[in-house]
Structures are given as C-alpha cells and as structure tokens.
Amino acid sequence: MSIAPRGLDHLVLRTADPEALIRFYCDVLGCAEERRVDGLGLTQLRAGASLIDIVDAAGEIGRQGGPAPVTEGLNLDHFCLRIDPWDEALIRAHLADHGVEAGPTERRYGAEGMGPSIYLRDPDGNTVELKGPPQDPEEP
C-alpha cells in the first residue's frame, strides 16, 4: 500500500485571541464557522473543501502546545487559500475595507501551476497567501 495525498484536510492555528482570528477568517477571507467545541477551545472554519481550526492557546487543546505563538517565533511560514473567482481589484478593495494590508500581486507556483498570488497577514502575524487560477498550468 502507498499513501496518496488528495489535498489538505485542515490546518490548525493556535492563538491567544481566537475571536480576532475567527472574525478575520470569516469576515475578511470568507470562511464560515462550521463547528465550535468550547470545552476544548476549538472553532472550525470551512474554507472550501478544507477546514481552518482556530485553537485557543489557553484552552484544553491549546495548552498542549505550550505558550501562545508570538510574531517573533511563528511555527508556520505561510499557508495558501485558492480564491475563485479571482478579481484582483475587488479582492484588494475588500481587504482595504477591512484594514488589511496586502503585498504586491506576483506570479507564484502552486498546486495548479503558475498564477497570481497576494500575501497578507492575519491578526496573529501568520502569513496567508491568496492564490488565483493557474495562468500557465504546465509551467513548473
């Protein structure tokens, strides 16, 4: 038997301020709250076919990971959300309406090939890449 990954199931972000991250991922990036388990300090947000789990660093699960993350020592470089439809002007206007600073749009390689992407940071300082459709899916 061999292992055959089909994609990302979920990503877990530990935080000292879960409500700030939940607002950011729902209000700014369009995720939807799917499930809360308050006794564990866990909120699961739907991001397309995947989940983003927000874990309160002071909650039952969060305490297992040690102190809350800080911007000087993040344990995650970045993660990428595929955005569809991709309309750069509307995306940038939406981010600006929420006070989110976004980096320049650059062509970057992703799971589907080369395409536009924008980097930004969530309230905890985690880098999030917003990725558009492939422009040259065959190009490595």
N, C-alpha and C. Protein backbone atom coordinates (compact mmCIF):
# COMPACT_ATOMS: atom_id res chain seq x y z
N MET A 1 0.84 -1.19 0.00
CA MET A 1 0.00 0.00 0.00
C MET A 1 0.88 1.24 0.00
N SER A 2 0.48 2.24 -0.77
CA SER A 2 1.19 3.51 -0.74
C SER A 2 0.23 4.61 -0.30
N ILE A 3 0.78 5.67 0.21
CA ILE A 3 -0.03 6.82 0.65
C ILE A 3 -0.21 7.73 -0.55
N ALA A 4 -1.42 8.23 -0.77
CA ALA A 4 -1.72 9.10 -1.92
C ALA A 4 -2.49 10.32 -1.45
N PRO A 5 -1.80 11.41 -1.09
CA PRO A 5 -2.50 12.62 -0.63
C PRO A 5 -3.40 13.20 -1.72
N ARG A 6 -4.59 13.64 -1.30
CA ARG A 6 -5.53 14.28 -2.21
C ARG A 6 -5.63 15.78 -1.99
N GLY A 7 -5.07 16.29 -0.92
CA GLY A 7 -5.16 17.72 -0.62
C GLY A 7 -5.07 17.93 0.88
N LEU A 8 -5.18 19.15 1.29
CA LEU A 8 -5.14 19.48 2.71
C LEU A 8 -6.52 19.30 3.33
N ASP A 9 -6.60 18.57 4.42
CA ASP A 9 -7.86 18.39 5.13
C ASP A 9 -8.11 19.59 6.04
N HIS A 10 -7.13 19.93 6.87
CA HIS A 10 -7.29 21.08 7.75
C HIS A 10 -5.93 21.60 8.20
N LEU A 11 -5.94 22.81 8.69
CA LEU A 11 -4.78 23.49 9.24
C LEU A 11 -5.20 23.99 10.61
N VAL A 12 -4.32 23.88 11.60
CA VAL A 12 -4.64 24.30 12.95
C VAL A 12 -3.78 25.51 13.33
N LEU A 13 -4.43 26.59 13.74
CA LEU A 13 -3.73 27.79 14.20
C LEU A 13 -4.01 27.98 15.68
N ARG A 14 -2.95 28.02 16.48
CA ARG A 14 -3.08 28.30 17.91
C ARG A 14 -2.99 29.81 18.09
N THR A 15 -3.77 30.35 19.02
CA THR A 15 -3.81 31.80 19.20
C THR A 15 -4.19 32.18 20.62
N ALA A 16 -3.75 33.35 21.04
CA ALA A 16 -4.16 33.91 22.32
C ALA A 16 -5.48 34.67 22.19
N ASP A 17 -5.90 34.98 20.95
CA ASP A 17 -7.12 35.75 20.72
C ASP A 17 -7.96 35.07 19.64
N PRO A 18 -8.64 33.97 19.99
CA PRO A 18 -9.40 33.23 18.98
C PRO A 18 -10.46 34.06 18.27
N GLU A 19 -11.16 34.93 18.98
CA GLU A 19 -12.23 35.70 18.34
C GLU A 19 -11.69 36.63 17.25
N ALA A 20 -10.49 37.20 17.45
CA ALA A 20 -9.90 38.05 16.42
C ALA A 20 -9.61 37.24 15.16
N LEU A 21 -9.08 36.03 15.32
CA LEU A 21 -8.79 35.20 14.15
C LEU A 21 -10.08 34.73 13.48
N ILE A 22 -11.07 34.36 14.27
CA ILE A 22 -12.35 33.92 13.69
C ILE A 22 -12.97 35.05 12.87
N ARG A 23 -12.99 36.27 13.41
CA ARG A 23 -13.52 37.42 12.66
C ARG A 23 -12.74 37.63 11.37
N PHE A 24 -11.40 37.55 11.45
CA PHE A 24 -10.56 37.76 10.27
C PHE A 24 -10.87 36.73 9.18
N TYR A 25 -10.83 35.46 9.55
CA TYR A 25 -11.02 34.42 8.54
C TYR A 25 -12.45 34.38 8.01
N CYS A 26 -13.43 34.74 8.82
CA CYS A 26 -14.82 34.76 8.35
C CYS A 26 -15.15 36.06 7.62
N ASP A 27 -14.92 37.20 8.27
CA ASP A 27 -15.31 38.49 7.70
C ASP A 27 -14.43 38.93 6.54
N VAL A 28 -13.13 38.69 6.64
CA VAL A 28 -12.20 39.18 5.62
C VAL A 28 -12.00 38.15 4.52
N LEU A 29 -11.77 36.88 4.89
CA LEU A 29 -11.43 35.88 3.89
C LEU A 29 -12.58 34.96 3.49
N GLY A 30 -13.77 35.19 4.02
CA GLY A 30 -14.94 34.49 3.54
C GLY A 30 -15.15 33.07 4.03
N CYS A 31 -14.44 32.66 5.05
CA CYS A 31 -14.69 31.33 5.64
C CYS A 31 -16.00 31.37 6.40
N ALA A 32 -16.52 30.20 6.73
CA ALA A 32 -17.76 30.12 7.50
C ALA A 32 -17.52 29.27 8.74
N GLU A 33 -18.03 29.74 9.87
CA GLU A 33 -17.90 28.94 11.08
C GLU A 33 -18.73 27.66 10.91
N GLU A 34 -18.09 26.53 11.13
CA GLU A 34 -18.77 25.25 10.96
C GLU A 34 -19.07 24.56 12.28
N ARG A 35 -18.16 24.68 13.24
CA ARG A 35 -18.32 23.91 14.47
C ARG A 35 -17.51 24.55 15.59
N ARG A 36 -18.10 24.56 16.78
CA ARG A 36 -17.40 25.03 17.99
C ARG A 36 -17.45 23.93 19.03
N VAL A 37 -16.32 23.74 19.69
CA VAL A 37 -16.25 22.83 20.84
C VAL A 37 -15.60 23.66 21.94
N ASP A 38 -16.45 24.46 22.63
CA ASP A 38 -15.94 25.41 23.61
C ASP A 38 -15.13 24.75 24.71
N GLY A 39 -15.51 23.55 25.15
CA GLY A 39 -14.77 22.87 26.20
C GLY A 39 -13.33 22.58 25.83
N LEU A 40 -13.05 22.46 24.53
CA LEU A 40 -11.68 22.22 24.06
C LEU A 40 -10.98 23.50 23.62
N GLY A 41 -11.75 24.59 23.46
CA GLY A 41 -11.17 25.82 22.94
C GLY A 41 -10.94 25.74 21.44
N LEU A 42 -11.85 25.08 20.71
CA LEU A 42 -11.70 24.81 19.28
C LEU A 42 -12.86 25.38 18.49
N THR A 43 -12.54 26.11 17.41
CA THR A 43 -13.54 26.55 16.45
C THR A 43 -13.04 26.13 15.07
N GLN A 44 -13.92 25.48 14.32
CA GLN A 44 -13.54 25.02 12.99
C GLN A 44 -14.25 25.86 11.94
N LEU A 45 -13.46 26.37 11.00
CA LEU A 45 -13.97 27.24 9.94
C LEU A 45 -13.86 26.52 8.61
N ARG A 46 -14.90 26.61 7.80
CA ARG A 46 -14.90 25.98 6.49
C ARG A 46 -14.21 26.91 5.50
N ALA A 47 -13.23 26.36 4.76
CA ALA A 47 -12.52 27.06 3.70
C ALA A 47 -12.58 26.17 2.46
N GLY A 48 -13.67 26.23 1.73
CA GLY A 48 -13.85 25.35 0.58
C GLY A 48 -13.95 23.90 1.05
N ALA A 49 -13.10 23.05 0.51
CA ALA A 49 -13.11 21.63 0.87
C ALA A 49 -12.30 21.37 2.13
N SER A 50 -11.66 22.39 2.69
CA SER A 50 -10.78 22.23 3.84
C SER A 50 -11.31 22.97 5.05
N LEU A 51 -10.68 22.72 6.19
CA LEU A 51 -11.01 23.43 7.42
C LEU A 51 -9.79 24.18 7.93
N ILE A 52 -10.05 25.30 8.57
CA ILE A 52 -9.05 26.01 9.35
C ILE A 52 -9.53 25.95 10.79
N ASP A 53 -8.76 25.26 11.63
CA ASP A 53 -9.11 25.13 13.04
C ASP A 53 -8.44 26.24 13.82
N ILE A 54 -9.22 26.97 14.60
CA ILE A 54 -8.70 28.02 15.47
C ILE A 54 -8.72 27.44 16.89
N VAL A 55 -7.55 27.38 17.51
CA VAL A 55 -7.42 26.78 18.84
C VAL A 55 -6.97 27.85 19.82
N ASP A 56 -7.73 28.03 20.88
CA ASP A 56 -7.38 28.96 21.95
C ASP A 56 -6.18 28.39 22.70
N ALA A 57 -5.05 29.11 22.70
CA ALA A 57 -3.84 28.62 23.35
C ALA A 57 -4.05 28.39 24.84
N ALA A 58 -5.08 29.02 25.44
CA ALA A 58 -5.36 28.83 26.86
C ALA A 58 -6.35 27.69 27.09
N GLY A 59 -6.90 27.11 26.03
CA GLY A 59 -7.88 26.03 26.15
C GLY A 59 -7.22 24.67 26.31
N GLU A 60 -8.04 23.65 26.44
CA GLU A 60 -7.54 22.29 26.68
C GLU A 60 -6.56 21.82 25.61
N ILE A 61 -6.92 21.97 24.34
CA ILE A 61 -6.02 21.55 23.26
C ILE A 61 -4.83 22.49 23.17
N GLY A 62 -5.08 23.79 23.25
CA GLY A 62 -4.03 24.79 23.10
C GLY A 62 -2.92 24.67 24.12
N ARG A 63 -3.26 24.35 25.35
CA ARG A 63 -2.23 24.24 26.41
C ARG A 63 -1.24 23.12 26.10
N GLN A 64 -1.65 22.13 25.33
CA GLN A 64 -0.74 21.04 24.99
C GLN A 64 0.40 21.50 24.10
N GLY A 65 0.22 22.62 23.43
CA GLY A 65 1.26 23.15 22.53
C GLY A 65 2.19 24.15 23.18
N GLY A 66 2.06 24.38 24.47
CA GLY A 66 2.91 25.34 25.15
C GLY A 66 2.37 26.75 25.06
N PRO A 67 3.24 27.75 25.25
CA PRO A 67 2.79 29.15 25.24
C PRO A 67 2.19 29.54 23.89
N ALA A 68 1.36 30.57 23.91
CA ALA A 68 0.76 31.08 22.68
C ALA A 68 1.86 31.53 21.72
N PRO A 69 1.63 31.40 20.41
CA PRO A 69 2.63 31.85 19.44
C PRO A 69 2.80 33.36 19.50
N VAL A 70 3.97 33.80 19.12
CA VAL A 70 4.29 35.23 19.07
C VAL A 70 4.84 35.55 17.70
N THR A 71 4.75 36.82 17.29
CA THR A 71 5.18 37.20 15.94
C THR A 71 6.68 37.02 15.74
N GLU A 72 7.46 36.94 16.80
CA GLU A 72 8.91 36.78 16.66
C GLU A 72 9.31 35.32 16.44
N GLY A 73 8.41 34.38 16.64
CA GLY A 73 8.77 32.98 16.52
C GLY A 73 7.63 32.12 16.03
N LEU A 74 7.06 32.46 14.89
CA LEU A 74 5.93 31.69 14.37
C LEU A 74 6.38 30.28 13.99
N ASN A 75 5.48 29.32 14.14
CA ASN A 75 5.80 27.95 13.78
C ASN A 75 5.25 27.57 12.41
N LEU A 76 4.84 28.55 11.63
CA LEU A 76 4.27 28.34 10.31
C LEU A 76 4.80 29.43 9.39
N ASP A 77 5.33 29.06 8.23
CA ASP A 77 5.79 30.10 7.30
C ASP A 77 4.58 30.79 6.67
N HIS A 78 3.75 30.03 5.98
CA HIS A 78 2.50 30.56 5.44
C HIS A 78 1.64 29.40 4.97
N PHE A 79 0.38 29.69 4.72
CA PHE A 79 -0.47 28.73 4.04
C PHE A 79 -1.23 29.49 2.97
N CYS A 80 -1.76 28.74 2.01
CA CYS A 80 -2.34 29.34 0.82
C CYS A 80 -3.79 28.94 0.67
N LEU A 81 -4.64 29.92 0.40
CA LEU A 81 -6.05 29.69 0.10
C LEU A 81 -6.29 29.98 -1.38
N ARG A 82 -6.79 29.02 -2.10
CA ARG A 82 -7.12 29.21 -3.52
C ARG A 82 -8.41 30.00 -3.59
N ILE A 83 -8.40 31.12 -4.32
CA ILE A 83 -9.53 32.03 -4.39
C ILE A 83 -10.19 31.91 -5.77
N ASP A 84 -11.51 31.72 -5.77
CA ASP A 84 -12.23 31.60 -7.02
C ASP A 84 -13.62 32.18 -6.82
N PRO A 85 -14.04 33.19 -7.54
CA PRO A 85 -13.32 33.75 -8.69
C PRO A 85 -12.22 34.71 -8.24
N TRP A 86 -11.28 34.94 -9.12
CA TRP A 86 -10.16 35.84 -8.84
C TRP A 86 -10.43 37.16 -9.56
N ASP A 87 -10.63 38.21 -8.79
CA ASP A 87 -10.76 39.57 -9.32
C ASP A 87 -9.90 40.44 -8.43
N GLU A 88 -8.69 40.71 -8.90
CA GLU A 88 -7.71 41.39 -8.06
C GLU A 88 -8.24 42.71 -7.51
N ALA A 89 -8.88 43.52 -8.33
CA ALA A 89 -9.36 44.83 -7.87
C ALA A 89 -10.38 44.66 -6.75
N LEU A 90 -11.31 43.72 -6.90
CA LEU A 90 -12.32 43.50 -5.86
C LEU A 90 -11.70 42.91 -4.60
N ILE A 91 -10.75 42.02 -4.75
CA ILE A 91 -10.07 41.43 -3.59
C ILE A 91 -9.34 42.52 -2.82
N ARG A 92 -8.59 43.36 -3.53
CA ARG A 92 -7.84 44.43 -2.86
C ARG A 92 -8.78 45.43 -2.18
N ALA A 93 -9.88 45.77 -2.83
CA ALA A 93 -10.84 46.71 -2.23
C ALA A 93 -11.44 46.10 -0.97
N HIS A 94 -11.77 44.83 -1.01
CA HIS A 94 -12.34 44.14 0.15
C HIS A 94 -11.34 44.11 1.31
N LEU A 95 -10.09 43.79 1.01
CA LEU A 95 -9.06 43.77 2.06
C LEU A 95 -8.88 45.16 2.66
N ALA A 96 -8.84 46.19 1.80
CA ALA A 96 -8.69 47.57 2.28
C ALA A 96 -9.86 47.98 3.16
N ASP A 97 -11.07 47.56 2.78
CA ASP A 97 -12.26 47.87 3.59
C ASP A 97 -12.14 47.30 5.00
N HIS A 98 -11.38 46.23 5.14
CA HIS A 98 -11.18 45.59 6.45
C HIS A 98 -9.85 46.00 7.09
N GLY A 99 -9.18 46.99 6.51
CA GLY A 99 -7.92 47.47 7.07
C GLY A 99 -6.77 46.49 6.95
N VAL A 100 -6.84 45.58 5.97
CA VAL A 100 -5.79 44.58 5.80
C VAL A 100 -4.83 45.05 4.72
N GLU A 101 -3.56 45.14 5.08
CA GLU A 101 -2.52 45.49 4.12
C GLU A 101 -2.13 44.25 3.33
N ALA A 102 -2.08 44.39 2.02
CA ALA A 102 -1.73 43.27 1.16
C ALA A 102 -0.47 43.61 0.38
N GLY A 103 0.35 42.59 0.18
CA GLY A 103 1.55 42.76 -0.62
C GLY A 103 1.21 42.85 -2.09
N PRO A 104 2.25 42.99 -2.93
CA PRO A 104 2.02 43.07 -4.36
C PRO A 104 1.51 41.74 -4.92
N THR A 105 0.81 41.81 -6.03
CA THR A 105 0.40 40.60 -6.73
C THR A 105 1.60 40.12 -7.54
N GLU A 106 1.95 38.87 -7.34
CA GLU A 106 3.08 38.28 -8.06
C GLU A 106 2.67 36.93 -8.61
N ARG A 107 3.37 36.49 -9.65
CA ARG A 107 3.14 35.15 -10.20
C ARG A 107 3.94 34.17 -9.35
N ARG A 108 3.24 33.18 -8.82
CA ARG A 108 3.90 32.17 -8.00
C ARG A 108 3.37 30.79 -8.40
N TYR A 109 4.17 29.80 -8.12
CA TYR A 109 3.79 28.44 -8.44
C TYR A 109 2.98 27.85 -7.30
N GLY A 110 1.95 27.11 -7.63
CA GLY A 110 1.12 26.43 -6.64
C GLY A 110 0.69 25.09 -7.16
N ALA A 111 -0.25 24.47 -6.49
CA ALA A 111 -0.68 23.12 -6.82
C ALA A 111 -1.21 23.00 -8.25
N GLU A 112 -1.77 24.08 -8.78
CA GLU A 112 -2.34 24.03 -10.13
C GLU A 112 -1.42 24.64 -11.18
N GLY A 113 -0.28 25.19 -10.78
CA GLY A 113 0.63 25.82 -11.72
C GLY A 113 0.86 27.28 -11.35
N MET A 114 1.45 28.01 -12.30
CA MET A 114 1.77 29.42 -12.08
C MET A 114 0.50 30.26 -12.14
N GLY A 115 0.40 31.21 -11.22
CA GLY A 115 -0.76 32.09 -11.23
C GLY A 115 -0.55 33.24 -10.27
N PRO A 116 -1.49 34.18 -10.24
CA PRO A 116 -1.36 35.34 -9.37
C PRO A 116 -1.54 34.97 -7.90
N SER A 117 -0.81 35.67 -7.05
CA SER A 117 -0.99 35.48 -5.61
C SER A 117 -0.67 36.77 -4.88
N ILE A 118 -1.30 36.89 -3.72
CA ILE A 118 -1.12 38.06 -2.85
C ILE A 118 -0.86 37.53 -1.45
N TYR A 119 0.17 38.06 -0.80
CA TYR A 119 0.45 37.72 0.60
C TYR A 119 -0.13 38.79 1.51
N LEU A 120 -0.64 38.34 2.67
CA LEU A 120 -1.12 39.25 3.71
C LEU A 120 -0.90 38.57 5.05
N ARG A 121 -1.19 39.27 6.13
CA ARG A 121 -1.02 38.70 7.47
C ARG A 121 -2.34 38.74 8.22
N ASP A 122 -2.57 37.67 9.02
CA ASP A 122 -3.75 37.64 9.88
C ASP A 122 -3.44 38.39 11.17
N PRO A 123 -4.40 38.54 12.08
CA PRO A 123 -4.16 39.31 13.31
C PRO A 123 -3.03 38.76 14.20
N ASP A 124 -2.68 37.48 14.07
CA ASP A 124 -1.58 36.91 14.85
C ASP A 124 -0.25 37.01 14.13
N GLY A 125 -0.24 37.57 12.93
CA GLY A 125 1.00 37.70 12.18
C GLY A 125 1.30 36.53 11.26
N ASN A 126 0.40 35.55 11.17
CA ASN A 126 0.60 34.45 10.23
C ASN A 126 0.44 34.97 8.81
N THR A 127 1.31 34.52 7.91
CA THR A 127 1.21 34.91 6.52
C THR A 127 0.23 33.99 5.80
N VAL A 128 -0.70 34.61 5.08
CA VAL A 128 -1.70 33.90 4.30
C VAL A 128 -1.49 34.31 2.84
N GLU A 129 -1.41 33.33 1.97
CA GLU A 129 -1.32 33.60 0.54
C GLU A 129 -2.69 33.38 -0.09
N LEU A 130 -3.17 34.36 -0.84
CA LEU A 130 -4.39 34.21 -1.62
C LEU A 130 -3.96 33.91 -3.05
N LYS A 131 -4.40 32.79 -3.60
CA LYS A 131 -3.91 32.30 -4.90
C LYS A 131 -5.03 32.27 -5.90
N GLY A 132 -4.77 32.83 -7.07
CA GLY A 132 -5.71 32.82 -8.18
C GLY A 132 -5.52 31.60 -9.06
N PRO A 133 -6.29 31.54 -10.15
CA PRO A 133 -6.23 30.38 -11.04
C PRO A 133 -4.91 30.32 -11.78
N PRO A 134 -4.57 29.12 -12.25
CA PRO A 134 -3.32 29.00 -12.99
C PRO A 134 -3.39 29.77 -14.30
N GLN A 135 -2.29 30.39 -14.64
CA GLN A 135 -2.20 31.09 -15.94
C GLN A 135 -1.44 30.22 -16.91
N ASP A 136 -0.45 29.49 -16.40
CA ASP A 136 0.35 28.57 -17.20
C ASP A 136 0.46 27.27 -16.43
N PRO A 137 -0.61 26.44 -16.43
CA PRO A 137 -0.63 25.25 -15.57
C PRO A 137 0.49 24.26 -15.86
N GLU A 138 1.07 24.28 -17.04
CA GLU A 138 2.12 23.33 -17.37
C GLU A 138 3.50 23.77 -16.91
N GLU A 139 3.68 25.08 -16.65
CA GLU A 139 4.99 25.61 -16.30
C GLU A 139 5.37 25.27 -14.86
N PRO A 140 6.55 24.66 -14.65
CA PRO A 140 6.97 24.35 -13.27
C PRO A 140 7.50 25.50 -12.56
